[in-house]
Amino acid sequence: MAVLRLAGMPIGNPEDVTLRVLRAIREADIVCVEDTGVASRLFKKWEIPFPREKIRIVNEHTTEQELSELIPEIKAARSAVLCSDAGMPVFCDPGLDVMRLCEAAGISIEVLPGANALVTAIVRAGLGGPFYFAGFPPRKTEERGPFFKKMDKMPGFVVFYETPYRLGKLLGDIHNNFQPAKKVFICVNLTEPEEVFIQSSVQNVKNLQIPPGPPVVIVGN
């Protein structure tokens, strides 16, 4: 029976990949990746061959037609692995469509746990208790105000993902829509030598100088 293995990838430090994931990649007939450059660097680090004939691209630009052609390939294979660029595939990740289509096609699904930026950032911030994961904020300007005002009323703390080049806009919206006294925790380049952790208040968040890199932003009481 065909198996699709959802492989957790490092979120920064390549040494955070598990032995189980490395073995699954080595043994797979098909490896689905978001970006060949990102994947090949990790493969090279761990001396894993990168034969182009078994690599498939699955990202936000993958069409429905391309997905429909991929599923029979996976079903006919002995094993396939789905990797994200960083963290767990499927979770805030274009691999979700692949997993759902594979399930519908009767392909077995196996999760290989790995690093996760959400949990890593919460632990670094020293937070516990209930929280709401907001993911990536809406991109349309007219949707952002109501969205952030709703997030301000959430119990516990709220966690956001964002791209590095949109972080400034996110911090501006947090400043404009959250209660000024609430705390803000910003984690950038988690697990890497350049990791940065900043704690501020909503009132002062617009004045921060944030280095470039993948961010996780937490707002709480």
N, C-alpha and C. Protein backbone atom coordinates (compact mmCIF):
# COMPACT_ATOMS: atom_id res chain seq x y z
N MET A 1 0.85 -1.20 0.00
CA MET A 1 0.00 0.00 0.00
C MET A 1 0.88 1.25 0.00
N ALA A 2 0.54 2.21 -0.82
CA ALA A 2 1.31 3.45 -0.90
C ALA A 2 1.20 4.24 0.40
N VAL A 3 2.30 4.89 0.76
CA VAL A 3 2.34 5.69 1.99
C VAL A 3 2.88 7.07 1.66
N LEU A 4 2.20 8.10 2.15
CA LEU A 4 2.71 9.46 2.07
C LEU A 4 3.16 9.85 3.47
N ARG A 5 4.44 10.16 3.61
CA ARG A 5 4.98 10.54 4.91
C ARG A 5 5.15 12.05 4.97
N LEU A 6 4.54 12.66 5.97
CA LEU A 6 4.61 14.09 6.17
C LEU A 6 5.80 14.38 7.08
N ALA A 7 6.87 14.93 6.52
CA ALA A 7 8.15 15.01 7.21
C ALA A 7 8.41 16.40 7.77
N GLY A 8 8.62 16.47 9.08
CA GLY A 8 8.97 17.74 9.71
C GLY A 8 10.37 18.18 9.34
N MET A 9 10.50 19.40 8.88
CA MET A 9 11.78 19.96 8.47
C MET A 9 12.33 20.93 9.53
N PRO A 10 13.64 21.16 9.54
CA PRO A 10 14.19 22.17 10.45
C PRO A 10 13.59 23.54 10.15
N ILE A 11 13.44 24.37 11.19
CA ILE A 11 12.93 25.72 10.98
C ILE A 11 14.07 26.72 10.83
N GLY A 12 15.29 26.26 10.98
CA GLY A 12 16.45 27.12 10.84
C GLY A 12 17.72 26.29 10.87
N ASN A 13 18.00 25.72 12.02
CA ASN A 13 19.20 24.91 12.20
C ASN A 13 19.03 23.54 11.54
N PRO A 14 19.85 23.18 10.56
CA PRO A 14 19.67 21.91 9.85
C PRO A 14 19.86 20.68 10.73
N GLU A 15 20.49 20.85 11.89
CA GLU A 15 20.70 19.72 12.78
C GLU A 15 19.44 19.32 13.55
N ASP A 16 18.36 20.08 13.38
CA ASP A 16 17.11 19.75 14.07
C ASP A 16 16.26 18.74 13.32
N VAL A 17 16.70 18.26 12.17
CA VAL A 17 15.96 17.23 11.45
C VAL A 17 16.15 15.89 12.19
N THR A 18 15.14 15.03 12.17
CA THR A 18 15.24 13.77 12.91
C THR A 18 15.83 12.66 12.05
N LEU A 19 16.36 11.64 12.71
CA LEU A 19 16.90 10.48 12.00
C LEU A 19 15.80 9.78 11.20
N ARG A 20 14.61 9.77 11.75
CA ARG A 20 13.48 9.12 11.08
C ARG A 20 13.16 9.81 9.76
N VAL A 21 13.19 11.14 9.76
CA VAL A 21 12.92 11.90 8.54
C VAL A 21 14.01 11.65 7.51
N LEU A 22 15.26 11.66 7.93
CA LEU A 22 16.36 11.43 7.00
C LEU A 22 16.25 10.04 6.36
N ARG A 23 15.90 9.05 7.15
CA ARG A 23 15.75 7.70 6.60
C ARG A 23 14.60 7.64 5.60
N ALA A 24 13.49 8.29 5.93
CA ALA A 24 12.33 8.29 5.04
C ALA A 24 12.67 8.93 3.70
N ILE A 25 13.41 10.04 3.72
CA ILE A 25 13.79 10.73 2.49
C ILE A 25 14.70 9.84 1.64
N ARG A 26 15.66 9.20 2.30
CA ARG A 26 16.59 8.33 1.56
C ARG A 26 15.86 7.17 0.89
N GLU A 27 14.84 6.64 1.54
CA GLU A 27 14.16 5.44 1.04
C GLU A 27 13.00 5.76 0.10
N ALA A 28 12.58 7.01 0.00
CA ALA A 28 11.39 7.37 -0.76
C ALA A 28 11.61 7.26 -2.28
N ASP A 29 10.55 6.93 -2.98
CA ASP A 29 10.56 6.93 -4.44
C ASP A 29 10.22 8.32 -4.99
N ILE A 30 9.42 9.07 -4.22
CA ILE A 30 9.04 10.43 -4.59
C ILE A 30 9.22 11.32 -3.38
N VAL A 31 9.84 12.49 -3.59
CA VAL A 31 9.99 13.47 -2.52
C VAL A 31 9.39 14.79 -3.02
N CYS A 32 8.35 15.26 -2.34
CA CYS A 32 7.70 16.51 -2.71
C CYS A 32 8.29 17.63 -1.86
N VAL A 33 8.76 18.69 -2.51
CA VAL A 33 9.38 19.81 -1.80
C VAL A 33 8.77 21.12 -2.30
N GLU A 34 8.88 22.16 -1.48
CA GLU A 34 8.40 23.49 -1.89
C GLU A 34 9.38 24.17 -2.83
N ASP A 35 10.66 24.05 -2.51
CA ASP A 35 11.69 24.75 -3.26
C ASP A 35 12.90 23.84 -3.39
N THR A 36 13.36 23.61 -4.61
CA THR A 36 14.49 22.69 -4.81
C THR A 36 15.78 23.20 -4.19
N GLY A 37 15.97 24.53 -4.18
CA GLY A 37 17.18 25.09 -3.60
C GLY A 37 17.25 24.84 -2.11
N VAL A 38 16.14 25.09 -1.41
CA VAL A 38 16.09 24.86 0.03
C VAL A 38 16.30 23.38 0.35
N ALA A 39 15.59 22.52 -0.39
CA ALA A 39 15.69 21.08 -0.14
C ALA A 39 17.09 20.55 -0.44
N SER A 40 17.68 20.99 -1.54
CA SER A 40 18.99 20.46 -1.92
C SER A 40 20.07 20.81 -0.91
N ARG A 41 19.96 21.99 -0.28
CA ARG A 41 20.95 22.36 0.74
C ARG A 41 20.87 21.44 1.95
N LEU A 42 19.64 21.09 2.35
CA LEU A 42 19.49 20.16 3.47
C LEU A 42 19.98 18.77 3.09
N PHE A 43 19.64 18.33 1.88
CA PHE A 43 20.08 17.01 1.43
C PHE A 43 21.61 16.94 1.39
N LYS A 44 22.23 18.01 0.90
CA LYS A 44 23.68 18.03 0.81
C LYS A 44 24.32 17.98 2.19
N LYS A 45 23.72 18.69 3.15
CA LYS A 45 24.22 18.70 4.52
C LYS A 45 24.29 17.29 5.08
N TRP A 46 23.29 16.47 4.77
CA TRP A 46 23.21 15.13 5.33
C TRP A 46 23.58 14.05 4.31
N GLU A 47 24.24 14.47 3.25
CA GLU A 47 24.78 13.55 2.24
C GLU A 47 23.71 12.62 1.68
N ILE A 48 22.56 13.21 1.36
CA ILE A 48 21.47 12.48 0.73
C ILE A 48 21.46 12.80 -0.76
N PRO A 49 21.44 11.82 -1.63
CA PRO A 49 21.36 12.09 -3.07
C PRO A 49 20.12 12.93 -3.40
N PHE A 50 20.25 13.75 -4.43
CA PHE A 50 19.13 14.61 -4.84
C PHE A 50 18.81 14.35 -6.31
N PRO A 51 18.36 13.13 -6.63
CA PRO A 51 18.05 12.82 -8.03
C PRO A 51 16.80 13.57 -8.49
N ARG A 52 16.96 14.38 -9.50
CA ARG A 52 15.84 15.22 -9.95
C ARG A 52 14.63 14.40 -10.39
N GLU A 53 14.86 13.16 -10.83
CA GLU A 53 13.73 12.39 -11.33
C GLU A 53 12.74 11.99 -10.24
N LYS A 54 13.15 12.04 -8.98
CA LYS A 54 12.20 11.67 -7.92
C LYS A 54 11.70 12.88 -7.13
N ILE A 55 12.14 14.08 -7.53
CA ILE A 55 11.71 15.31 -6.86
C ILE A 55 10.48 15.89 -7.55
N ARG A 56 9.49 16.27 -6.75
CA ARG A 56 8.29 16.94 -7.27
C ARG A 56 8.11 18.25 -6.51
N ILE A 57 7.73 19.31 -7.22
CA ILE A 57 7.51 20.61 -6.59
C ILE A 57 6.05 20.75 -6.18
N VAL A 58 5.84 21.06 -4.91
CA VAL A 58 4.49 21.33 -4.41
C VAL A 58 4.57 22.62 -3.58
N ASN A 59 4.02 23.70 -4.12
CA ASN A 59 4.01 24.96 -3.39
C ASN A 59 2.74 25.73 -3.73
N GLU A 60 2.69 26.99 -3.33
CA GLU A 60 1.46 27.78 -3.52
C GLU A 60 1.14 28.02 -4.99
N HIS A 61 2.11 27.79 -5.87
CA HIS A 61 1.88 28.00 -7.30
C HIS A 61 1.47 26.71 -8.04
N THR A 62 1.45 25.60 -7.33
CA THR A 62 1.07 24.33 -7.96
C THR A 62 -0.40 24.36 -8.36
N THR A 63 -0.70 23.99 -9.59
CA THR A 63 -2.07 24.05 -10.09
C THR A 63 -2.85 22.78 -9.72
N GLU A 64 -4.17 22.87 -9.84
CA GLU A 64 -5.01 21.70 -9.59
C GLU A 64 -4.68 20.59 -10.57
N GLN A 65 -4.38 20.95 -11.81
CA GLN A 65 -4.02 19.96 -12.81
C GLN A 65 -2.74 19.22 -12.41
N GLU A 66 -1.75 19.97 -11.94
CA GLU A 66 -0.49 19.35 -11.51
C GLU A 66 -0.71 18.43 -10.32
N LEU A 67 -1.57 18.84 -9.39
CA LEU A 67 -1.88 17.98 -8.24
C LEU A 67 -2.59 16.71 -8.68
N SER A 68 -3.52 16.85 -9.62
CA SER A 68 -4.26 15.68 -10.08
C SER A 68 -3.35 14.67 -10.78
N GLU A 69 -2.26 15.15 -11.36
CA GLU A 69 -1.30 14.25 -12.01
C GLU A 69 -0.33 13.64 -10.99
N LEU A 70 -0.12 14.35 -9.87
CA LEU A 70 0.81 13.87 -8.86
C LEU A 70 0.24 12.71 -8.04
N ILE A 71 -1.04 12.77 -7.71
CA ILE A 71 -1.62 11.76 -6.82
C ILE A 71 -1.49 10.34 -7.36
N PRO A 72 -1.77 10.07 -8.64
CA PRO A 72 -1.55 8.71 -9.15
C PRO A 72 -0.09 8.27 -9.06
N GLU A 73 0.84 9.22 -9.22
CA GLU A 73 2.27 8.89 -9.07
C GLU A 73 2.56 8.41 -7.66
N ILE A 74 2.03 9.14 -6.69
CA ILE A 74 2.25 8.76 -5.29
C ILE A 74 1.60 7.41 -5.00
N LYS A 75 0.41 7.20 -5.54
CA LYS A 75 -0.29 5.94 -5.29
C LYS A 75 0.45 4.75 -5.88
N ALA A 76 1.12 4.97 -6.99
CA ALA A 76 1.87 3.89 -7.64
C ALA A 76 3.24 3.66 -7.02
N ALA A 77 3.70 4.62 -6.21
CA ALA A 77 5.03 4.52 -5.61
C ALA A 77 5.00 3.65 -4.36
N ARG A 78 6.16 3.15 -3.99
CA ARG A 78 6.29 2.39 -2.74
C ARG A 78 6.14 3.32 -1.54
N SER A 79 6.78 4.47 -1.62
CA SER A 79 6.64 5.45 -0.56
C SER A 79 6.95 6.84 -1.10
N ALA A 80 6.32 7.84 -0.52
CA ALA A 80 6.54 9.23 -0.90
C ALA A 80 6.68 10.06 0.37
N VAL A 81 7.43 11.14 0.27
CA VAL A 81 7.63 12.04 1.40
C VAL A 81 7.23 13.44 0.98
N LEU A 82 6.51 14.13 1.86
CA LEU A 82 6.11 15.52 1.63
C LEU A 82 6.86 16.40 2.62
N CYS A 83 7.66 17.34 2.10
CA CYS A 83 8.45 18.25 2.93
C CYS A 83 8.01 19.69 2.71
N SER A 84 8.03 20.48 3.76
CA SER A 84 7.87 21.92 3.60
C SER A 84 9.25 22.55 3.55
N ASP A 85 9.32 23.85 3.32
CA ASP A 85 10.61 24.53 3.39
C ASP A 85 11.13 24.54 4.83
N ALA A 86 10.20 24.69 5.78
CA ALA A 86 10.56 24.76 7.20
C ALA A 86 9.37 24.34 8.04
N GLY A 87 9.64 23.56 9.09
CA GLY A 87 8.57 23.14 9.97
C GLY A 87 7.77 21.97 9.43
N MET A 88 6.55 21.84 9.95
CA MET A 88 5.71 20.72 9.58
C MET A 88 4.92 21.00 8.30
N PRO A 89 4.92 20.07 7.36
CA PRO A 89 4.06 20.24 6.18
C PRO A 89 2.60 20.18 6.59
N VAL A 90 1.73 20.70 5.75
CA VAL A 90 0.28 20.74 5.96
C VAL A 90 -0.12 21.90 6.87
N PHE A 91 0.64 22.13 7.96
CA PHE A 91 0.30 23.18 8.92
C PHE A 91 0.70 24.54 8.36
N CYS A 92 -0.29 25.38 7.98
CA CYS A 92 -0.03 26.66 7.32
C CYS A 92 0.89 26.44 6.14
N ASP A 93 0.55 25.47 5.31
CA ASP A 93 1.49 25.00 4.28
C ASP A 93 0.70 24.49 3.09
N PRO A 94 1.20 24.72 1.86
CA PRO A 94 0.48 24.26 0.67
C PRO A 94 0.37 22.74 0.55
N GLY A 95 1.10 22.00 1.37
CA GLY A 95 1.01 20.54 1.33
C GLY A 95 -0.32 19.99 1.80
N LEU A 96 -1.16 20.84 2.39
CA LEU A 96 -2.47 20.39 2.87
C LEU A 96 -3.30 19.78 1.76
N ASP A 97 -3.30 20.40 0.59
CA ASP A 97 -4.10 19.87 -0.53
C ASP A 97 -3.60 18.49 -0.95
N VAL A 98 -2.30 18.29 -0.94
CA VAL A 98 -1.74 16.99 -1.32
C VAL A 98 -2.20 15.92 -0.34
N MET A 99 -2.12 16.22 0.95
CA MET A 99 -2.53 15.24 1.96
C MET A 99 -3.99 14.85 1.80
N ARG A 100 -4.86 15.84 1.62
CA ARG A 100 -6.30 15.56 1.50
C ARG A 100 -6.60 14.73 0.25
N LEU A 101 -5.93 15.06 -0.85
CA LEU A 101 -6.15 14.30 -2.08
C LEU A 101 -5.64 12.87 -1.94
N CYS A 102 -4.51 12.71 -1.26
CA CYS A 102 -3.97 11.37 -1.03
C CYS A 102 -4.91 10.55 -0.15
N GLU A 103 -5.44 11.15 0.89
CA GLU A 103 -6.41 10.45 1.74
C GLU A 103 -7.62 10.01 0.94
N ALA A 104 -8.13 10.90 0.11
CA ALA A 104 -9.30 10.57 -0.71
C ALA A 104 -8.99 9.44 -1.69
N ALA A 105 -7.72 9.32 -2.09
CA ALA A 105 -7.32 8.28 -3.04
C ALA A 105 -6.97 6.96 -2.34
N GLY A 106 -7.12 6.93 -1.02
CA GLY A 106 -6.84 5.71 -0.29
C GLY A 106 -5.37 5.50 0.05
N ILE A 107 -4.57 6.54 -0.05
CA ILE A 107 -3.15 6.45 0.28
C ILE A 107 -2.97 6.63 1.79
N SER A 108 -2.18 5.78 2.39
CA SER A 108 -1.92 5.85 3.83
C SER A 108 -1.11 7.10 4.16
N ILE A 109 -1.43 7.73 5.30
CA ILE A 109 -0.73 8.94 5.73
C ILE A 109 0.02 8.64 7.03
N GLU A 110 1.28 9.07 7.06
CA GLU A 110 2.10 8.89 8.27
C GLU A 110 2.80 10.21 8.58
N VAL A 111 2.70 10.66 9.82
CA VAL A 111 3.33 11.92 10.23
C VAL A 111 4.67 11.63 10.90
N LEU A 112 5.71 12.29 10.42
CA LEU A 112 7.03 12.20 11.03
C LEU A 112 7.30 13.53 11.74
N PRO A 113 7.11 13.60 13.05
CA PRO A 113 7.18 14.88 13.76
C PRO A 113 8.54 15.54 13.63
N GLY A 114 8.52 16.86 13.73
CA GLY A 114 9.76 17.62 13.66
C GLY A 114 9.60 18.99 14.27
N ALA A 115 10.51 19.88 13.94
CA ALA A 115 10.52 21.23 14.52
C ALA A 115 9.27 22.01 14.10
N ASN A 116 8.86 22.94 14.98
CA ASN A 116 7.69 23.76 14.71
C ASN A 116 7.91 25.16 15.29
N ALA A 117 7.79 26.18 14.45
CA ALA A 117 8.07 27.54 14.89
C ALA A 117 7.06 28.03 15.94
N LEU A 118 5.81 27.60 15.83
CA LEU A 118 4.77 28.03 16.77
C LEU A 118 5.15 27.64 18.20
N VAL A 119 5.40 26.36 18.41
CA VAL A 119 5.72 25.87 19.76
C VAL A 119 7.05 26.44 20.24
N THR A 120 8.04 26.49 19.35
CA THR A 120 9.36 27.01 19.73
C THR A 120 9.26 28.46 20.21
N ALA A 121 8.47 29.28 19.52
CA ALA A 121 8.33 30.69 19.91
C ALA A 121 7.60 30.82 21.24
N ILE A 122 6.56 30.03 21.46
CA ILE A 122 5.82 30.09 22.72
C ILE A 122 6.72 29.72 23.89
N VAL A 123 7.52 28.67 23.71
CA VAL A 123 8.44 28.26 24.76
C VAL A 123 9.47 29.35 25.03
N ARG A 124 10.02 29.94 23.97
CA ARG A 124 11.03 30.99 24.14
C ARG A 124 10.44 32.20 24.86
N ALA A 125 9.18 32.50 24.61
CA ALA A 125 8.54 33.64 25.26
C ALA A 125 8.15 33.33 26.70
N GLY A 126 8.25 32.06 27.10
CA GLY A 126 7.92 31.68 28.47
C GLY A 126 6.44 31.75 28.77
N LEU A 127 5.63 31.42 27.78
CA LEU A 127 4.18 31.52 27.93
C LEU A 127 3.55 30.15 28.12
N GLY A 128 2.42 30.13 28.81
CA GLY A 128 1.65 28.91 28.99
C GLY A 128 0.17 29.26 29.05
N GLY A 129 -0.66 28.25 29.03
CA GLY A 129 -2.09 28.49 29.08
C GLY A 129 -2.71 28.60 27.71
N PRO A 130 -3.98 29.03 27.65
CA PRO A 130 -4.70 29.06 26.37
C PRO A 130 -4.14 30.10 25.42
N PHE A 131 -4.19 29.78 24.13
CA PHE A 131 -3.77 30.75 23.12
C PHE A 131 -4.56 30.51 21.85
N TYR A 132 -4.51 31.49 20.96
CA TYR A 132 -5.17 31.39 19.66
C TYR A 132 -4.13 31.54 18.58
N PHE A 133 -4.07 30.58 17.67
CA PHE A 133 -3.15 30.68 16.55
C PHE A 133 -3.85 31.35 15.39
N ALA A 134 -3.42 32.57 15.06
CA ALA A 134 -4.06 33.36 14.01
C ALA A 134 -3.47 33.09 12.64
N GLY A 135 -2.29 32.45 12.58
CA GLY A 135 -1.66 32.19 11.29
C GLY A 135 -1.23 33.47 10.60
N PHE A 136 -1.31 33.46 9.27
CA PHE A 136 -0.95 34.65 8.49
C PHE A 136 -2.16 35.59 8.42
N PRO A 137 -1.99 36.87 8.74
CA PRO A 137 -3.11 37.82 8.66
C PRO A 137 -3.60 37.98 7.22
N PRO A 138 -4.85 38.41 7.05
CA PRO A 138 -5.35 38.65 5.68
C PRO A 138 -4.53 39.75 5.00
N ARG A 139 -4.43 39.65 3.69
CA ARG A 139 -3.61 40.61 2.96
C ARG A 139 -4.40 41.84 2.50
N LYS A 140 -5.71 41.68 2.34
CA LYS A 140 -6.52 42.81 1.87
C LYS A 140 -6.64 43.84 2.98
N THR A 141 -6.37 45.10 2.64
CA THR A 141 -6.36 46.18 3.63
C THR A 141 -7.69 46.29 4.36
N GLU A 142 -8.80 46.16 3.64
CA GLU A 142 -10.11 46.33 4.26
C GLU A 142 -10.46 45.22 5.25
N GLU A 143 -9.75 44.10 5.17
CA GLU A 143 -10.02 42.99 6.08
C GLU A 143 -9.16 43.02 7.33
N ARG A 144 -8.07 43.78 7.28
CA ARG A 144 -7.10 43.71 8.37
C ARG A 144 -7.58 44.38 9.66
N GLY A 145 -8.21 45.55 9.56
CA GLY A 145 -8.69 46.24 10.75
C GLY A 145 -9.65 45.38 11.57
N PRO A 146 -10.75 44.90 10.97
CA PRO A 146 -11.68 44.03 11.72
C PRO A 146 -11.02 42.76 12.25
N PHE A 147 -10.09 42.20 11.47
CA PHE A 147 -9.40 40.99 11.89
C PHE A 147 -8.59 41.23 13.17
N PHE A 148 -7.79 42.30 13.19
CA PHE A 148 -6.95 42.55 14.36
C PHE A 148 -7.76 42.99 15.57
N LYS A 149 -8.84 43.70 15.37
CA LYS A 149 -9.70 44.08 16.49
C LYS A 149 -10.32 42.83 17.13
N LYS A 150 -10.66 41.86 16.29
CA LYS A 150 -11.17 40.59 16.80
C LYS A 150 -10.08 39.85 17.58
N MET A 151 -8.86 39.87 17.07
CA MET A 151 -7.77 39.19 17.76
C MET A 151 -7.48 39.82 19.13
N ASP A 152 -7.68 41.13 19.23
CA ASP A 152 -7.44 41.83 20.49
C ASP A 152 -8.38 41.34 21.59
N LYS A 153 -9.54 40.83 21.21
CA LYS A 153 -10.54 40.38 22.19
C LYS A 153 -10.40 38.90 22.54
N MET A 154 -9.46 38.22 21.91
CA MET A 154 -9.28 36.80 22.17
C MET A 154 -8.74 36.57 23.59
N PRO A 155 -9.23 35.53 24.28
CA PRO A 155 -8.64 35.21 25.58
C PRO A 155 -7.25 34.61 25.41
N GLY A 156 -6.44 34.74 26.44
CA GLY A 156 -5.08 34.21 26.34
C GLY A 156 -4.22 35.07 25.43
N PHE A 157 -3.28 34.45 24.75
CA PHE A 157 -2.41 35.19 23.84
C PHE A 157 -2.64 34.72 22.41
N VAL A 158 -2.21 35.57 21.46
CA VAL A 158 -2.44 35.32 20.04
C VAL A 158 -1.10 35.22 19.33
N VAL A 159 -0.98 34.20 18.45
CA VAL A 159 0.28 33.97 17.73
C VAL A 159 0.06 34.20 16.24
N PHE A 160 0.96 34.98 15.64
CA PHE A 160 0.90 35.28 14.22
C PHE A 160 2.14 34.74 13.50
N TYR A 161 1.94 34.26 12.30
CA TYR A 161 3.03 34.02 11.36
C TYR A 161 3.02 35.17 10.36
N GLU A 162 4.17 35.51 9.82
CA GLU A 162 4.24 36.51 8.77
C GLU A 162 5.54 36.35 8.00
N THR A 163 5.56 36.85 6.78
CA THR A 163 6.79 36.84 6.00
C THR A 163 7.68 37.99 6.46
N PRO A 164 9.01 37.87 6.30
CA PRO A 164 9.90 38.94 6.76
C PRO A 164 9.57 40.31 6.17
N TYR A 165 9.22 40.34 4.89
CA TYR A 165 9.01 41.64 4.25
C TYR A 165 7.68 42.28 4.62
N ARG A 166 6.79 41.56 5.29
CA ARG A 166 5.51 42.13 5.73
C ARG A 166 5.46 42.33 7.24
N LEU A 167 6.57 42.07 7.91
CA LEU A 167 6.58 42.19 9.37
C LEU A 167 6.28 43.61 9.83
N GLY A 168 6.84 44.60 9.15
CA GLY A 168 6.61 45.99 9.53
C GLY A 168 5.12 46.35 9.49
N LYS A 169 4.44 45.87 8.47
CA LYS A 169 3.00 46.15 8.36
C LYS A 169 2.24 45.46 9.49
N LEU A 170 2.63 44.23 9.82
CA LEU A 170 1.98 43.52 10.92
C LEU A 170 2.14 44.28 12.23
N LEU A 171 3.36 44.73 12.52
CA LEU A 171 3.59 45.45 13.77
C LEU A 171 2.80 46.76 13.81
N GLY A 172 2.66 47.41 12.66
CA GLY A 172 1.85 48.63 12.60
C GLY A 172 0.39 48.35 12.90
N ASP A 173 -0.12 47.26 12.38
CA ASP A 173 -1.52 46.90 12.64
C ASP A 173 -1.72 46.49 14.10
N ILE A 174 -0.73 45.81 14.68
CA ILE A 174 -0.82 45.47 16.10
C ILE A 174 -0.86 46.75 16.94
N HIS A 175 0.00 47.71 16.60
CA HIS A 175 0.04 48.98 17.32
C HIS A 175 -1.30 49.70 17.23
N ASN A 176 -1.95 49.64 16.09
CA ASN A 176 -3.18 50.41 15.87
C ASN A 176 -4.43 49.73 16.40
N ASN A 177 -4.38 48.42 16.66
CA ASN A 177 -5.62 47.69 16.96
C ASN A 177 -5.64 46.95 18.29
N PHE A 178 -4.48 46.77 18.93
CA PHE A 178 -4.45 46.08 20.21
C PHE A 178 -4.33 47.09 21.36
N GLN A 179 -4.74 46.65 22.55
CA GLN A 179 -4.62 47.50 23.73
C GLN A 179 -3.16 47.85 23.98
N PRO A 180 -2.84 49.14 24.22
CA PRO A 180 -1.44 49.60 24.28
C PRO A 180 -0.58 48.89 25.32
N ALA A 181 -1.17 48.45 26.43
CA ALA A 181 -0.38 47.86 27.50
C ALA A 181 -0.05 46.38 27.28
N LYS A 182 -0.66 45.76 26.29
CA LYS A 182 -0.39 44.34 26.06
C LYS A 182 1.05 44.12 25.65
N LYS A 183 1.55 42.93 25.97
CA LYS A 183 2.93 42.58 25.65
C LYS A 183 3.03 42.01 24.23
N VAL A 184 4.17 42.26 23.61
CA VAL A 184 4.45 41.71 22.29
C VAL A 184 5.80 40.99 22.35
N PHE A 185 5.82 39.75 21.84
CA PHE A 185 7.04 38.95 21.78
C PHE A 185 7.33 38.67 20.30
N ILE A 186 8.54 38.98 19.87
CA ILE A 186 8.91 38.79 18.47
C ILE A 186 10.12 37.87 18.42
N CYS A 187 9.95 36.75 17.72
CA CYS A 187 11.04 35.79 17.54
C CYS A 187 11.43 35.78 16.06
N VAL A 188 12.69 35.98 15.78
CA VAL A 188 13.18 36.01 14.40
C VAL A 188 14.36 35.04 14.26
N ASN A 189 14.37 34.31 13.14
CA ASN A 189 15.45 33.35 12.87
C ASN A 189 15.60 32.30 13.97
N LEU A 190 14.48 31.74 14.38
CA LEU A 190 14.49 30.74 15.45
C LEU A 190 15.43 29.58 15.14
N THR A 191 16.20 29.16 16.14
CA THR A 191 17.15 28.04 16.13
C THR A 191 18.44 28.34 15.37
N GLU A 192 18.53 29.48 14.73
CA GLU A 192 19.74 29.82 13.98
C GLU A 192 20.71 30.63 14.85
N PRO A 193 21.98 30.71 14.46
CA PRO A 193 22.93 31.53 15.23
C PRO A 193 22.49 32.99 15.33
N GLU A 194 21.73 33.46 14.34
CA GLU A 194 21.28 34.86 14.32
C GLU A 194 19.93 35.04 15.01
N GLU A 195 19.51 34.04 15.81
CA GLU A 195 18.21 34.14 16.48
C GLU A 195 18.11 35.40 17.32
N VAL A 196 16.95 36.06 17.21
CA VAL A 196 16.70 37.29 17.98
C VAL A 196 15.36 37.16 18.69
N PHE A 197 15.33 37.54 19.95
CA PHE A 197 14.08 37.55 20.72
C PHE A 197 13.91 38.94 21.31
N ILE A 198 12.76 39.56 21.03
CA ILE A 198 12.48 40.92 21.49
C ILE A 198 11.14 40.94 22.22
N GLN A 199 11.14 41.58 23.39
CA GLN A 199 9.90 41.77 24.13
C GLN A 199 9.61 43.26 24.22
N SER A 200 8.35 43.62 23.95
CA SER A 200 7.97 45.02 23.95
C SER A 200 6.52 45.13 24.42
N SER A 201 5.98 46.32 24.32
CA SER A 201 4.56 46.54 24.52
C SER A 201 3.95 46.95 23.19
N VAL A 202 2.64 46.82 23.08
CA VAL A 202 1.96 47.25 21.86
C VAL A 202 2.25 48.73 21.60
N GLN A 203 2.28 49.53 22.66
CA GLN A 203 2.50 50.97 22.52
C GLN A 203 3.83 51.29 21.86
N ASN A 204 4.85 50.49 22.14
CA ASN A 204 6.20 50.79 21.64
C ASN A 204 6.63 49.95 20.44
N VAL A 205 5.76 49.10 19.96
CA VAL A 205 6.18 48.11 18.97
C VAL A 205 6.60 48.74 17.64
N LYS A 206 6.06 49.90 17.32
CA LYS A 206 6.41 50.54 16.04
C LYS A 206 7.83 51.11 16.06
N ASN A 207 8.41 51.27 17.23
CA ASN A 207 9.74 51.86 17.33
C ASN A 207 10.86 50.83 17.28
N LEU A 208 10.51 49.57 17.17
CA LEU A 208 11.51 48.51 17.24
C LEU A 208 12.29 48.39 15.93
N GLN A 209 13.56 48.03 16.05
CA GLN A 209 14.39 47.72 14.89
C GLN A 209 14.54 46.20 14.82
N ILE A 210 13.89 45.59 13.84
CA ILE A 210 13.86 44.14 13.74
C ILE A 210 14.79 43.68 12.63
N PRO A 211 15.71 42.77 12.91
CA PRO A 211 16.60 42.27 11.87
C PRO A 211 15.82 41.40 10.88
N PRO A 212 16.31 41.24 9.67
CA PRO A 212 15.59 40.42 8.69
C PRO A 212 15.62 38.95 9.08
N GLY A 213 14.54 38.24 8.68
CA GLY A 213 14.46 36.81 8.94
C GLY A 213 13.03 36.38 9.20
N PRO A 214 12.75 35.09 9.15
CA PRO A 214 11.38 34.59 9.39
C PRO A 214 10.93 34.90 10.81
N PRO A 215 9.79 35.60 10.97
CA PRO A 215 9.34 35.98 12.31
C PRO A 215 8.13 35.18 12.80
N VAL A 216 8.03 35.07 14.12
CA VAL A 216 6.79 34.67 14.80
C VAL A 216 6.50 35.76 15.81
N VAL A 217 5.26 36.26 15.81
CA VAL A 217 4.88 37.37 16.69
C VAL A 217 3.76 36.91 17.61
N ILE A 218 3.93 37.18 18.91
CA ILE A 218 2.95 36.80 19.91
C ILE A 218 2.49 38.05 20.64
N VAL A 219 1.17 38.20 20.82
CA VAL A 219 0.61 39.32 21.58
C VAL A 219 -0.21 38.74 22.72
N GLY A 220 0.05 39.22 23.94
CA GLY A 220 -0.68 38.71 25.08
C GLY A 220 -0.77 39.74 26.19
N ASN A 221 -1.46 39.37 27.24
CA ASN A 221 -1.66 40.28 28.37
C ASN A 221 -0.39 40.38 29.22
